[in-house]
């Protein structure tokens, strides 16, 4: 369980992990396409770099929220397949950076994992969470929704509503710290 006596200890820990995530090597080899041109290869390389950046940002959010007081980052390969757990607050979370990260089959698989966890742990609140919606308005003003999946209630939380629910009064400070840390450690 991640417990830090001070916000400073928490920030030191997540800064270290953010830097580690950002320093992961990136692929630069493009898949071959017989119709490639120099222009299309440049565009494909930009798209590849952006996709890799988005994946790192998703990992950063899992680290930031999973190391917040009372929460545990389950990392990759946990038996539940979920991202974050809080025994203290009785929450299980599947976290995505954007509302369009999951296609229909991935979303179903993620909701299946949450529903299974809820059936096995009825005292837990299971949350399908997205940090960002497709617009600023939706990200800033999303109201919690209930998804009924396999006969089980799963909360859908997005954006500032979700972050405020997890981080409380620390939300703005944590967002600013993460933005600054990413900015200072990228080119």
C-alpha atoms as a PDB file:
ATOM      1  CA  UNK A   1       0.000   0.000   0.000  1.00  0.00           C
ATOM      2  CA  UNK A   2       1.316   3.424  -0.891  1.00  0.00           C
ATOM      3  CA  UNK A   3       1.289   5.646   2.143  1.00  0.00           C
ATOM      4  CA  UNK A   4       3.346   8.813   2.332  1.00  0.00           C
ATOM      5  CA  UNK A   5       3.672  10.921   5.448  1.00  0.00           C
ATOM      6  CA  UNK A   6       3.825  14.111   3.394  1.00  0.00           C
ATOM      7  CA  UNK A   7       2.842  15.401  -0.023  1.00  0.00           C
ATOM      8  CA  UNK A   8       6.539  16.034  -0.602  1.00  0.00           C
ATOM      9  CA  UNK A   9       7.329  12.306  -0.175  1.00  0.00           C
ATOM     10  CA  UNK A  10       4.517  11.415  -2.578  1.00  0.00           C
ATOM     11  CA  UNK A  11       5.771  13.925  -5.160  1.00  0.00           C
ATOM     12  CA  UNK A  12       9.336  12.625  -4.868  1.00  0.00           C
ATOM     13  CA  UNK A  13       8.111   9.073  -5.478  1.00  0.00           C
ATOM     14  CA  UNK A  14       5.917   9.888  -8.462  1.00  0.00           C
ATOM     15  CA  UNK A  15       8.525  12.214  -9.994  1.00  0.00           C
ATOM     16  CA  UNK A  16      10.983   9.330  -9.948  1.00  0.00           C
ATOM     17  CA  UNK A  17       8.450   7.012 -11.600  1.00  0.00           C
ATOM     18  CA  UNK A  18       7.349   9.630 -14.163  1.00  0.00           C
ATOM     19  CA  UNK A  19      10.982  10.140 -15.194  1.00  0.00           C
ATOM     20  CA  UNK A  20      11.407   6.374 -15.503  1.00  0.00           C
ATOM     21  CA  UNK A  21       8.293   6.092 -17.698  1.00  0.00           C
ATOM     22  CA  UNK A  22       9.353   9.017 -19.892  1.00  0.00           C
ATOM     23  CA  UNK A  23      12.843   7.583 -20.379  1.00  0.00           C
ATOM     24  CA  UNK A  24      11.577   4.265 -21.748  1.00  0.00           C
ATOM     25  CA  UNK A  25      12.953   3.663 -25.221  1.00  0.00           C
ATOM     26  CA  UNK A  26      10.679   4.359 -28.156  1.00  0.00           C
ATOM     27  CA  UNK A  27      10.404   2.435 -31.402  1.00  0.00           C
ATOM     28  CA  UNK A  28      11.277   4.280 -34.567  1.00  0.00           C
ATOM     29  CA  UNK A  29      10.911   1.439 -37.056  1.00  0.00           C
ATOM     30  CA  UNK A  30       7.863   1.855 -39.233  1.00  0.00           C
ATOM     31  CA  UNK A  31       5.799  -0.961 -40.644  1.00  0.00           C
ATOM     32  CA  UNK A  32       6.347  -1.366 -44.357  1.00  0.00           C
ATOM     33  CA  UNK A  33       3.728  -0.272 -46.844  1.00  0.00           C
ATOM     34  CA  UNK A  34       4.322  -0.671 -50.570  1.00  0.00           C
ATOM     35  CA  UNK A  35       2.672   2.715 -51.133  1.00  0.00           C
ATOM     36  CA  UNK A  36       4.931   4.566 -48.688  1.00  0.00           C
ATOM     37  CA  UNK A  37       6.503   7.817 -49.812  1.00  0.00           C
ATOM     38  CA  UNK A  38       8.915  10.038 -47.923  1.00  0.00           C
ATOM     39  CA  UNK A  39       5.956  12.222 -46.933  1.00  0.00           C
ATOM     40  CA  UNK A  40       3.838   9.296 -45.709  1.00  0.00           C
ATOM     41  CA  UNK A  41       6.829   7.895 -43.770  1.00  0.00           C
ATOM     42  CA  UNK A  42       7.325  11.257 -41.999  1.00  0.00           C
ATOM     43  CA  UNK A  43       3.626  11.329 -41.105  1.00  0.00           C
ATOM     44  CA  UNK A  44       3.668   7.705 -39.910  1.00  0.00           C
ATOM     45  CA  UNK A  45       6.710   8.443 -37.732  1.00  0.00           C
ATOM     46  CA  UNK A  46       4.934  11.434 -36.148  1.00  0.00           C
ATOM     47  CA  UNK A  47       1.850   9.282 -35.529  1.00  0.00           C
ATOM     48  CA  UNK A  48       4.003   6.530 -33.980  1.00  0.00           C
ATOM     49  CA  UNK A  49       5.724   9.018 -31.662  1.00  0.00           C
ATOM     50  CA  UNK A  50       2.367  10.488 -30.583  1.00  0.00           C
ATOM     51  CA  UNK A  51       0.918   7.026 -29.915  1.00  0.00           C
ATOM     52  CA  UNK A  52       3.944   6.142 -27.767  1.00  0.00           C
ATOM     53  CA  UNK A  53       3.600   9.452 -25.886  1.00  0.00           C
ATOM     54  CA  UNK A  54      -0.082   8.755 -25.206  1.00  0.00           C
ATOM     55  CA  UNK A  55       0.763   5.289 -23.876  1.00  0.00           C
ATOM     56  CA  UNK A  56       3.337   6.804 -21.528  1.00  0.00           C
ATOM     57  CA  UNK A  57       0.802   9.383 -20.314  1.00  0.00           C
ATOM     58  CA  UNK A  58      -1.624   6.554 -19.534  1.00  0.00           C
ATOM     59  CA  UNK A  59       1.074   4.805 -17.525  1.00  0.00           C
ATOM     60  CA  UNK A  60       1.882   8.071 -15.741  1.00  0.00           C
ATOM     61  CA  UNK A  61      -1.745   8.510 -14.657  1.00  0.00           C
ATOM     62  CA  UNK A  62      -1.861   4.950 -13.343  1.00  0.00           C
ATOM     63  CA  UNK A  63       1.324   5.636 -11.364  1.00  0.00           C
ATOM     64  CA  UNK A  64       0.092   9.028 -10.069  1.00  0.00           C
ATOM     65  CA  UNK A  65      -3.288   7.743  -8.884  1.00  0.00           C
ATOM     66  CA  UNK A  66      -2.074   4.285  -7.867  1.00  0.00           C
ATOM     67  CA  UNK A  67       0.523   5.788  -5.545  1.00  0.00           C
ATOM     68  CA  UNK A  68      -1.809   8.338  -3.977  1.00  0.00           C
ATOM     69  CA  UNK A  69      -2.529   7.739  -0.295  1.00  0.00           C
ATOM     70  CA  UNK A  70      -4.842   4.764   0.152  1.00  0.00           C
ATOM     71  CA  UNK A  71      -4.387   3.452  -3.404  1.00  0.00           C
ATOM     72  CA  UNK A  72      -2.223   0.760  -4.970  1.00  0.00           C
ATOM     73  CA  UNK A  73      -0.952   0.653  -8.552  1.00  0.00           C
ATOM     74  CA  UNK A  74      -1.569  -2.949  -9.634  1.00  0.00           C
ATOM     75  CA  UNK A  75       0.791  -2.548 -12.598  1.00  0.00           C
ATOM     76  CA  UNK A  76       0.680  -5.044 -15.470  1.00  0.00           C
ATOM     77  CA  UNK A  77      -0.093  -8.692 -14.799  1.00  0.00           C
ATOM     78  CA  UNK A  78      -2.113  -8.458 -11.584  1.00  0.00           C
ATOM     79  CA  UNK A  79      -4.493 -11.411 -11.194  1.00  0.00           C
ATOM     80  CA  UNK A  80      -7.538  -9.115 -11.447  1.00  0.00           C
ATOM     81  CA  UNK A  81      -6.296  -7.489 -14.649  1.00  0.00           C
ATOM     82  CA  UNK A  82      -7.317  -4.133 -13.168  1.00  0.00           C
ATOM     83  CA  UNK A  83      -5.215  -0.984 -12.784  1.00  0.00           C
ATOM     84  CA  UNK A  84      -5.755   0.474  -9.301  1.00  0.00           C
ATOM     85  CA  UNK A  85      -7.130  -0.817  -6.023  1.00  0.00           C
ATOM     86  CA  UNK A  86      -7.949   0.831  -2.710  1.00  0.00           C
ATOM     87  CA  UNK A  87      -8.616  -1.530   0.164  1.00  0.00           C
ATOM     88  CA  UNK A  88      -9.074   1.497   2.418  1.00  0.00           C
ATOM     89  CA  UNK A  89     -11.762   3.145   0.266  1.00  0.00           C
ATOM     90  CA  UNK A  90     -13.063  -0.157  -1.165  1.00  0.00           C
ATOM     91  CA  UNK A  91     -12.557   0.755  -4.834  1.00  0.00           C
ATOM     92  CA  UNK A  92     -11.361  -1.122  -7.892  1.00  0.00           C
ATOM     93  CA  UNK A  93     -10.493   0.990 -10.929  1.00  0.00           C
ATOM     94  CA  UNK A  94      -9.882   0.350 -14.607  1.00  0.00           C
ATOM     95  CA  UNK A  95      -8.214   3.533 -15.850  1.00  0.00           C
ATOM     96  CA  UNK A  96      -7.946   4.917 -19.373  1.00  0.00           C
ATOM     97  CA  UNK A  97      -6.406   8.204 -20.435  1.00  0.00           C
ATOM     98  CA  UNK A  98      -9.201   9.014 -22.918  1.00  0.00           C
ATOM     99  CA  UNK A  99     -12.793   8.005 -23.522  1.00  0.00           C
ATOM    100  CA  UNK A 100     -11.791   6.744 -26.983  1.00  0.00           C
ATOM    101  CA  UNK A 101      -8.864   4.589 -25.778  1.00  0.00           C
ATOM    102  CA  UNK A 102     -10.933   1.395 -25.731  1.00  0.00           C
ATOM    103  CA  UNK A 103     -12.630   0.029 -28.819  1.00  0.00           C
ATOM    104  CA  UNK A 104     -15.922  -1.814 -28.247  1.00  0.00           C
ATOM    105  CA  UNK A 105     -14.342  -5.222 -27.575  1.00  0.00           C
ATOM    106  CA  UNK A 106     -11.658  -3.807 -25.239  1.00  0.00           C
ATOM    107  CA  UNK A 107     -14.274  -1.819 -23.350  1.00  0.00           C
ATOM    108  CA  UNK A 108     -16.403  -4.962 -22.944  1.00  0.00           C
ATOM    109  CA  UNK A 109     -13.378  -6.918 -21.682  1.00  0.00           C
ATOM    110  CA  UNK A 110     -12.566  -4.150 -19.180  1.00  0.00           C
ATOM    111  CA  UNK A 111     -16.161  -3.975 -17.962  1.00  0.00           C
ATOM    112  CA  UNK A 112     -16.128  -7.799 -17.684  1.00  0.00           C
ATOM    113  CA  UNK A 113     -13.090  -7.567 -15.358  1.00  0.00           C
ATOM    114  CA  UNK A 114     -14.789  -4.929 -13.213  1.00  0.00           C
ATOM    115  CA  UNK A 115     -18.066  -6.895 -13.066  1.00  0.00           C
ATOM    116  CA  UNK A 116     -16.202 -10.066 -12.066  1.00  0.00           C
ATOM    117  CA  UNK A 117     -14.367  -8.171  -9.314  1.00  0.00           C
ATOM    118  CA  UNK A 118     -17.649  -6.673  -8.071  1.00  0.00           C
ATOM    119  CA  UNK A 119     -19.323 -10.102  -7.913  1.00  0.00           C
ATOM    120  CA  UNK A 120     -16.352 -11.484  -5.950  1.00  0.00           C
ATOM    121  CA  UNK A 121     -16.087  -8.346  -3.759  1.00  0.00           C
ATOM    122  CA  UNK A 122     -19.609  -6.867  -3.426  1.00  0.00           C
ATOM    123  CA  UNK A 123     -18.476  -4.298  -0.851  1.00  0.00           C
ATOM    124  CA  UNK A 124     -16.243  -2.609  -3.468  1.00  0.00           C
ATOM    125  CA  UNK A 125     -17.202   0.203  -5.808  1.00  0.00           C
ATOM    126  CA  UNK A 126     -15.964  -0.684  -9.288  1.00  0.00           C
ATOM    127  CA  UNK A 127     -15.075   2.252 -11.501  1.00  0.00           C
ATOM    128  CA  UNK A 128     -14.409   2.521 -15.220  1.00  0.00           C
ATOM    129  CA  UNK A 129     -12.505   5.822 -15.321  1.00  0.00           C
ATOM    130  CA  UNK A 130     -11.247   8.113 -18.062  1.00  0.00           C
ATOM    131  CA  UNK A 131      -8.943  11.040 -17.385  1.00  0.00           C
ATOM    132  CA  UNK A 132     -10.023  12.897 -20.540  1.00  0.00           C
ATOM    133  CA  UNK A 133     -13.194  13.016 -22.625  1.00  0.00           C
ATOM    134  CA  UNK A 134     -13.162  14.094 -26.264  1.00  0.00           C
ATOM    135  CA  UNK A 135     -13.834  17.772 -25.398  1.00  0.00           C
ATOM    136  CA  UNK A 136     -12.724  20.141 -22.665  1.00  0.00           C
ATOM    137  CA  UNK A 137     -16.369  20.730 -21.716  1.00  0.00           C
ATOM    138  CA  UNK A 138     -17.028  17.018 -21.144  1.00  0.00           C
ATOM    139  CA  UNK A 139     -13.712  16.558 -19.323  1.00  0.00           C
ATOM    140  CA  UNK A 140     -14.485  19.402 -16.945  1.00  0.00           C
ATOM    141  CA  UNK A 141     -18.207  18.731 -16.447  1.00  0.00           C
ATOM    142  CA  UNK A 142     -18.860  14.999 -16.737  1.00  0.00           C
ATOM    143  CA  UNK A 143     -21.437  13.678 -14.284  1.00  0.00           C
ATOM    144  CA  UNK A 144     -20.910  10.201 -12.866  1.00  0.00           C
ATOM    145  CA  UNK A 145     -22.934   7.558 -14.692  1.00  0.00           C
ATOM    146  CA  UNK A 146     -23.882   4.033 -13.749  1.00  0.00           C
ATOM    147  CA  UNK A 147     -23.226   1.272 -16.274  1.00  0.00           C
ATOM    148  CA  UNK A 148     -25.187  -1.924 -15.773  1.00  0.00           C
ATOM    149  CA  UNK A 149     -22.905  -4.682 -17.081  1.00  0.00           C
ATOM    150  CA  UNK A 150     -23.548  -8.417 -16.617  1.00  0.00           C
ATOM    151  CA  UNK A 151     -26.143  -7.479 -14.002  1.00  0.00           C
ATOM    152  CA  UNK A 152     -23.620  -5.483 -11.965  1.00  0.00           C
ATOM    153  CA  UNK A 153     -23.435  -1.729 -11.381  1.00  0.00           C
ATOM    154  CA  UNK A 154     -20.169  -0.122 -12.463  1.00  0.00           C
ATOM    155  CA  UNK A 155     -19.523   3.596 -12.057  1.00  0.00           C
ATOM    156  CA  UNK A 156     -18.272   5.539 -15.076  1.00  0.00           C
ATOM    157  CA  UNK A 157     -16.306   8.606 -14.008  1.00  0.00           C
ATOM    158  CA  UNK A 158     -14.458  11.049 -16.243  1.00  0.00           C
ATOM    159  CA  UNK A 159     -12.148  14.045 -15.994  1.00  0.00           C
ATOM    160  CA  UNK A 160     -12.148  16.473 -13.106  1.00  0.00           C
ATOM    161  CA  UNK A 161     -15.113  14.754 -11.453  1.00  0.00           C
ATOM    162  CA  UNK A 162     -13.096  11.530 -11.242  1.00  0.00           C
ATOM    163  CA  UNK A 163      -9.837  13.246 -10.238  1.00  0.00           C
ATOM    164  CA  UNK A 164     -11.598  15.261  -7.513  1.00  0.00           C
ATOM    165  CA  UNK A 165     -13.239  12.039  -6.268  1.00  0.00           C
ATOM    166  CA  UNK A 166      -9.801  10.382  -5.912  1.00  0.00           C
ATOM    167  CA  UNK A 167      -7.520  13.322  -5.028  1.00  0.00           C
ATOM    168  CA  UNK A 168      -9.932  15.646  -3.210  1.00  0.00           C
ATOM    169  CA  UNK A 169      -8.407  19.010  -2.358  1.00  0.00           C
ATOM    170  CA  UNK A 170      -5.010  17.847  -3.707  1.00  0.00           C
ATOM    171  CA  UNK A 171      -6.338  17.611  -7.291  1.00  0.00           C
ATOM    172  CA  UNK A 172      -5.060  20.926  -8.675  1.00  0.00           C
ATOM    173  CA  UNK A 173      -1.710  20.606  -6.952  1.00  0.00           C
ATOM    174  CA  UNK A 174      -1.197  17.049  -8.267  1.00  0.00           C
ATOM    175  CA  UNK A 175      -2.206  17.999 -11.838  1.00  0.00           C
ATOM    176  CA  UNK A 176       0.164  20.992 -11.793  1.00  0.00           C
ATOM    177  CA  UNK A 177       2.991  18.868 -10.386  1.00  0.00           C
ATOM    178  CA  UNK A 178       2.516  16.143 -13.022  1.00  0.00           C
ATOM    179  CA  UNK A 179       2.337  18.696 -15.873  1.00  0.00           C
ATOM    180  CA  UNK A 180       5.503  20.414 -14.656  1.00  0.00           C
ATOM    181  CA  UNK A 181       7.353  17.109 -14.194  1.00  0.00           C
ATOM    182  CA  UNK A 182       6.431  15.916 -17.693  1.00  0.00           C
ATOM    183  CA  UNK A 183       7.351  19.266 -19.210  1.00  0.00           C
ATOM    184  CA  UNK A 184      10.746  19.345 -17.461  1.00  0.00           C
ATOM    185  CA  UNK A 185      11.582  15.813 -18.582  1.00  0.00           C
ATOM    186  CA  UNK A 186      10.618  15.864 -22.260  1.00  0.00           C
ATOM    187  CA  UNK A 187      12.198  17.531 -25.253  1.00  0.00           C
END
